[in-house]
Amino acid sequence: MTARMDARFAHLKAEGRPALITYFMGGDPDFETSLNIMKALPAAGADIIELGMPFSDPMADGPTIQLAGQRALKGGQTLKKTLQIAREFRKTDTETPIVMMGYYNPIYIYGVDTFLDEVLEAGIDGLIVVDLPPEMDDELCIPALAKGINFIRLATPTTDDKRLPKVLKNTSGFVYYVSMNGITGSALPDPSLVSGAVQRIKGHTALPVCVGFGVKTADHAQAIGAAADGVVVGTAIVAQIAGSLTKDGQATSDTVHAVTTFVKGISTGVRAARRVAAE
């Protein structure tokens, strides 16, 4: 639902601060634990939640998220179960936007029409499908937009001014600026370069521009949030999950707490970013 996403960004703009967008892998390390993590994220400070769809060949993901996907698949997680996590979450939270993030292959196998119908029914607001370029918009992007589902596109440092209009043409919800080339979980980019990139993208669109890759601390979040409409944190959250597990990858009593404690810390940086931006 585009309305829920738009309302959240409008609210944050009125507050004068960027969004905190948190990613975790559906089913990591098991269905119940990942659902409990999702339920705990808004109170910890998450404004928008990215729900990862595990896939056996995640080419754009770094080792931390790849391992999360492997744990989820080993635990029996499927695309159907990932949709069910969103359904369960919506029973107690009707306001936090949910974005499903992953790859096209599981969606294609599931069936695009069936998938989109269930996305709507589960209360999911948007999709990020990292391996579908604009040239393939007819596959999923256009049908999603027709049903009122945001289709969020990635822009990177190599997305030049010639390419950018094509990338943005059917983008909605927000633009996800991947602040460096390479796989997820790399080092933090130079905030001054991020600021320039965000302003360049804003020259082409009125959509919020959110920045991800490499954010691991509250200071990182504050520095990136001073220039962006949102800060995306993924690998560092997944690392908290991994660090809390038993040797054989099972959840412990500390797993949900480890995530919420970390997200609360990041949230302080995001909320401090408005002061930096206003100075």
Protein backbone atom coordinates (compact mmCIF):
# COMPACT_ATOMS: atom_id res chain seq x y z
CA MET A 1 0.00 0.00 0.00
CA THR A 2 1.53 3.23 -1.16
CA ALA A 3 -0.56 5.25 1.32
CA ARG A 4 1.11 3.74 4.40
CA MET A 5 4.61 4.42 3.05
CA ASP A 6 3.74 7.98 2.01
CA ALA A 7 2.17 8.66 5.40
CA ARG A 8 5.26 7.45 7.24
CA PHE A 9 7.63 9.67 5.26
CA ALA A 10 5.29 12.65 5.63
CA HIS A 11 5.23 12.12 9.39
CA LEU A 12 9.02 11.90 9.57
CA LYS A 13 9.42 14.99 7.43
CA ALA A 14 7.19 16.86 9.88
CA GLU A 15 9.41 15.60 12.70
CA GLY A 16 12.46 16.83 10.80
CA ARG A 17 14.38 13.57 10.86
CA PRO A 18 15.27 10.69 8.54
CA ALA A 19 13.73 7.23 8.64
CA LEU A 20 15.42 4.26 10.21
CA ILE A 21 14.90 1.32 7.86
CA THR A 22 15.85 -2.04 9.33
CA TYR A 23 16.47 -5.26 7.40
CA PHE A 24 16.37 -8.82 8.65
CA MET A 25 16.07 -12.17 6.89
CA GLY A 26 12.69 -13.87 7.15
CA GLY A 27 13.07 -17.19 8.92
CA ASP A 28 16.52 -16.49 10.39
CA PRO A 29 17.23 -18.54 12.41
CA ASP A 30 13.64 -19.87 12.54
CA PHE A 31 10.11 -18.66 11.83
CA GLU A 32 9.09 -17.78 15.40
CA THR A 33 12.31 -15.97 16.29
CA SER A 34 12.28 -13.88 13.14
CA LEU A 35 8.62 -13.00 13.73
CA ASN A 36 9.46 -11.94 17.30
CA ILE A 37 12.33 -9.83 15.97
CA MET A 38 10.00 -8.15 13.49
CA LYS A 39 7.41 -7.44 16.17
CA ALA A 40 10.08 -5.87 18.39
CA LEU A 41 11.64 -3.61 15.75
CA PRO A 42 9.16 -0.67 15.80
CA ALA A 43 9.46 -0.19 19.56
CA ALA A 44 13.25 -0.30 19.18
CA GLY A 45 13.10 2.61 16.73
CA ALA A 46 12.49 1.13 13.27
CA ASP A 47 10.29 3.31 11.05
CA ILE A 48 10.18 0.95 8.05
CA ILE A 49 10.97 -2.77 8.02
CA GLU A 50 12.66 -4.64 5.19
CA LEU A 51 11.75 -8.32 5.30
CA GLY A 52 14.28 -10.47 3.48
CA MET A 53 13.19 -13.34 1.24
CA PRO A 54 15.77 -16.14 1.55
CA PHE A 55 17.21 -17.37 -1.74
CA SER A 56 19.82 -20.00 -2.52
CA ASP A 57 21.88 -17.78 -4.86
CA PRO A 58 21.93 -14.24 -3.39
CA MET A 59 24.53 -12.70 -5.68
CA ALA A 60 24.35 -9.14 -4.30
CA ASP A 61 24.60 -10.11 -0.64
CA GLY A 62 27.72 -10.28 1.46
CA PRO A 63 28.64 -13.32 3.56
CA THR A 64 26.66 -12.22 6.64
CA ILE A 65 23.33 -12.04 4.81
CA GLN A 66 24.16 -15.08 2.68
CA LEU A 67 24.61 -17.12 5.86
CA ALA A 68 21.33 -15.76 7.22
CA GLY A 69 19.58 -16.97 4.09
CA GLN A 70 21.21 -20.38 4.44
CA ARG A 71 20.09 -20.64 8.07
CA ALA A 72 16.55 -19.70 7.08
CA LEU A 73 16.39 -22.18 4.21
CA LYS A 74 17.87 -24.91 6.40
CA GLY A 75 15.12 -24.19 8.92
CA GLY A 76 12.45 -24.72 6.26
CA GLN A 77 11.70 -21.10 5.41
CA THR A 78 9.86 -20.56 2.12
CA LEU A 79 8.43 -17.56 0.32
CA LYS A 80 4.98 -18.59 1.55
CA LYS A 81 6.23 -18.61 5.15
CA THR A 82 7.89 -15.23 4.66
CA LEU A 83 4.55 -13.80 3.55
CA GLN A 84 3.05 -15.38 6.66
CA ILE A 85 5.53 -13.52 8.89
CA ALA A 86 4.14 -10.27 7.48
CA ARG A 87 0.56 -11.45 8.08
CA GLU A 88 1.31 -12.28 11.70
CA PHE A 89 3.04 -8.93 12.21
CA ARG A 90 0.04 -7.06 10.81
CA LYS A 91 -2.22 -8.54 13.49
CA THR A 92 -0.62 -6.19 16.03
CA ASP A 93 0.92 -3.43 13.88
CA THR A 94 -1.08 -1.77 11.11
CA GLU A 95 1.09 1.34 10.70
CA THR A 96 4.73 0.31 10.13
CA PRO A 97 5.48 -0.03 6.40
CA ILE A 98 6.88 -3.39 5.29
CA VAL A 99 9.10 -3.85 2.25
CA MET A 100 9.93 -7.35 1.02
CA MET A 101 13.45 -7.55 -0.35
CA GLY A 102 15.06 -10.29 -2.37
CA TYR A 103 15.44 -11.85 -5.79
CA TYR A 104 13.07 -12.55 -8.65
CA ASN A 105 13.53 -16.32 -9.03
CA PRO A 106 11.40 -17.38 -6.01
CA ILE A 107 8.69 -14.90 -7.05
CA TYR A 108 8.70 -16.19 -10.63
CA ILE A 109 8.36 -19.78 -9.42
CA TYR A 110 5.58 -18.77 -7.00
CA GLY A 111 3.72 -17.01 -9.79
CA VAL A 112 3.72 -13.23 -10.15
CA ASP A 113 -0.05 -12.73 -9.95
CA THR A 114 -0.43 -15.04 -6.96
CA PHE A 115 2.54 -13.43 -5.23
CA LEU A 116 1.24 -9.87 -5.70
CA ASP A 117 -2.24 -10.82 -4.49
CA GLU A 118 -0.74 -12.36 -1.36
CA VAL A 119 1.59 -9.39 -0.86
CA LEU A 120 -1.46 -7.14 -0.72
CA GLU A 121 -3.40 -9.53 1.50
CA ALA A 122 -0.44 -9.81 3.90
CA GLY A 123 -0.23 -6.04 4.33
CA ILE A 124 3.11 -5.55 2.57
CA ASP A 125 3.70 -2.07 1.18
CA GLY A 126 6.61 -2.39 -1.20
CA LEU A 127 9.09 -4.61 -3.01
CA ILE A 128 12.82 -4.42 -3.63
CA VAL A 129 13.90 -7.01 -6.17
CA VAL A 130 17.59 -6.49 -6.68
CA ASP A 131 18.07 -8.49 -9.88
CA LEU A 132 15.27 -6.93 -11.96
CA PRO A 133 16.60 -3.96 -13.96
CA PRO A 134 14.26 -1.33 -15.45
CA GLU A 135 14.42 -3.13 -18.79
CA MET A 136 12.38 -5.93 -17.16
CA ASP A 137 9.70 -3.70 -15.63
CA ASP A 138 6.91 -5.62 -17.35
CA GLU A 139 7.84 -8.76 -15.38
CA LEU A 140 6.95 -7.50 -11.91
CA CYS A 141 7.32 -3.74 -11.46
CA ILE A 142 4.40 -2.63 -13.66
CA PRO A 143 2.00 -5.29 -12.30
CA ALA A 144 3.00 -4.35 -8.72
CA LEU A 145 2.42 -0.64 -9.30
CA ALA A 146 -0.96 -1.42 -10.88
CA LYS A 147 -2.01 -3.03 -7.60
CA GLY A 148 -0.80 -0.10 -5.49
CA ILE A 149 2.39 -1.80 -4.28
CA ASN A 150 5.52 0.35 -4.13
CA PHE A 151 8.38 -0.83 -6.31
CA ILE A 152 11.59 0.52 -4.83
CA ARG A 153 14.61 0.76 -7.07
CA LEU A 154 18.29 0.74 -6.23
CA ALA A 155 20.66 3.47 -7.43
CA THR A 156 24.43 3.17 -7.06
CA PRO A 157 27.49 5.40 -7.48
CA THR A 158 27.72 4.16 -11.10
CA THR A 159 24.13 5.17 -11.90
CA ASP A 160 24.97 8.28 -13.90
CA ASP A 161 22.64 11.11 -14.95
CA LYS A 162 21.94 9.37 -18.25
CA ARG A 163 20.86 6.12 -16.58
CA LEU A 164 19.10 7.64 -13.57
CA PRO A 165 15.84 8.70 -15.31
CA LYS A 166 15.32 5.13 -16.55
CA VAL A 167 15.97 3.75 -13.06
CA LEU A 168 13.55 6.23 -11.50
CA LYS A 169 10.80 6.01 -14.11
CA ASN A 170 8.66 3.41 -12.35
CA THR A 171 10.12 3.75 -8.86
CA SER A 172 7.78 4.57 -5.99
CA GLY A 173 7.88 4.73 -2.20
CA PHE A 174 11.52 5.76 -1.95
CA VAL A 175 14.81 5.45 -3.79
CA TYR A 176 17.36 3.16 -2.16
CA TYR A 177 20.82 4.59 -2.77
CA VAL A 178 23.43 1.87 -2.39
CA SER A 179 26.31 4.06 -1.28
CA MET A 180 29.08 1.90 -2.70
CA ASN A 181 29.64 -0.68 -5.36
CA GLY A 182 29.97 -4.30 -4.31
CA ILE A 183 28.24 -6.64 -1.92
CA THR A 184 26.31 -5.78 1.23
CA GLY A 185 28.17 -5.27 4.49
CA SER A 186 31.14 -3.36 3.10
CA ALA A 187 32.85 -0.43 4.83
CA LEU A 188 31.07 2.85 5.53
CA PRO A 189 31.23 5.31 2.61
CA ASP A 190 32.42 8.91 2.88
CA PRO A 191 29.41 10.91 4.18
CA SER A 192 30.37 13.91 2.04
CA LEU A 193 30.21 11.78 -1.10
CA VAL A 194 26.87 10.39 0.03
CA SER A 195 25.50 13.91 0.50
CA GLY A 196 26.48 14.88 -3.04
CA ALA A 197 24.95 11.70 -4.47
CA VAL A 198 21.68 12.21 -2.60
CA GLN A 199 21.40 15.77 -3.89
CA ARG A 200 22.12 14.57 -7.43
CA ILE A 201 19.34 11.95 -7.22
CA LYS A 202 16.96 14.53 -5.74
CA GLY A 203 17.54 16.59 -8.85
CA HIS A 204 15.69 13.85 -10.73
CA THR A 205 12.90 12.86 -8.32
CA ALA A 206 10.66 14.10 -5.53
CA LEU A 207 10.81 10.70 -3.81
CA PRO A 208 12.64 10.28 -0.50
CA VAL A 209 16.22 9.06 -0.95
CA CYS A 210 17.37 6.50 1.61
CA VAL A 211 20.95 5.34 1.96
CA GLY A 212 22.27 1.92 2.87
CA PHE A 213 25.40 -0.27 2.96
CA GLY A 214 27.96 -0.09 5.73
CA VAL A 215 26.04 1.56 8.59
CA LYS A 216 27.12 -0.13 11.81
CA THR A 217 27.03 2.49 14.58
CA ALA A 218 24.92 5.40 15.83
CA ASP A 219 27.62 7.79 14.58
CA HIS A 220 27.43 6.25 11.10
CA ALA A 221 23.65 6.61 11.16
CA GLN A 222 23.85 10.23 12.26
CA ALA A 223 26.39 11.11 9.56
CA ILE A 224 24.40 9.44 6.77
CA GLY A 225 21.05 10.62 8.13
CA ALA A 226 22.16 14.24 8.02
CA ALA A 227 22.14 14.02 4.22
CA ALA A 228 19.48 11.39 3.49
CA ASP A 229 15.75 10.91 4.01
CA GLY A 230 16.41 7.49 5.49
CA VAL A 231 19.18 5.26 6.80
CA VAL A 232 19.08 1.56 5.92
CA VAL A 233 20.73 -0.90 8.31
CA GLY A 234 20.88 -4.56 7.38
CA THR A 235 24.14 -6.47 7.66
CA ALA A 236 24.87 -5.14 11.14
CA ILE A 237 21.45 -6.30 12.37
CA VAL A 238 21.87 -9.73 10.81
CA ALA A 239 25.30 -9.93 12.47
CA GLN A 240 23.65 -9.34 15.85
CA ILE A 241 21.34 -12.28 15.20
CA ALA A 242 24.24 -14.50 14.13
CA GLY A 243 26.29 -13.54 17.18
CA SER A 244 23.51 -14.55 19.55
CA LEU A 245 23.00 -18.08 18.21
CA THR A 246 24.26 -21.39 19.52
CA LYS A 247 27.12 -23.14 17.73
CA ASP A 248 24.62 -25.08 15.63
CA GLY A 249 22.72 -21.92 14.63
CA GLN A 250 19.79 -22.13 17.02
CA ALA A 251 18.16 -19.10 18.64
CA THR A 252 18.90 -18.31 22.28
CA SER A 253 17.09 -16.27 24.91
CA ASP A 254 19.34 -13.35 23.91
CA THR A 255 18.59 -13.31 20.17
CA VAL A 256 15.68 -10.83 20.08
CA HIS A 257 17.25 -8.72 22.84
CA ALA A 258 20.54 -8.46 20.95
CA VAL A 259 18.73 -7.05 17.92
CA THR A 260 16.55 -4.60 19.83
CA THR A 261 19.47 -3.29 21.89
CA PHE A 262 21.48 -2.69 18.73
CA VAL A 263 18.60 -1.04 16.86
CA LYS A 264 17.87 1.25 19.83
CA GLY A 265 21.48 2.42 19.67
CA ILE A 266 21.33 3.07 15.92
CA SER A 267 18.02 4.86 16.44
CA THR A 268 19.68 7.44 18.70
CA GLY A 269 21.98 8.36 15.81
CA VAL A 270 19.11 8.63 13.34
CA ARG A 271 17.16 10.86 15.70
CA ALA A 272 20.21 13.04 16.31
CA ALA A 273 20.67 13.48 12.55
CA ARG A 274 17.92 16.10 12.36
CA ARG A 275 19.98 18.37 14.59
CA VAL A 276 22.96 18.07 12.29
CA ALA A 277 20.81 18.72 9.23
CA ALA A 278 19.23 21.80 10.82
CA GLU A 279 22.53 23.45 11.75
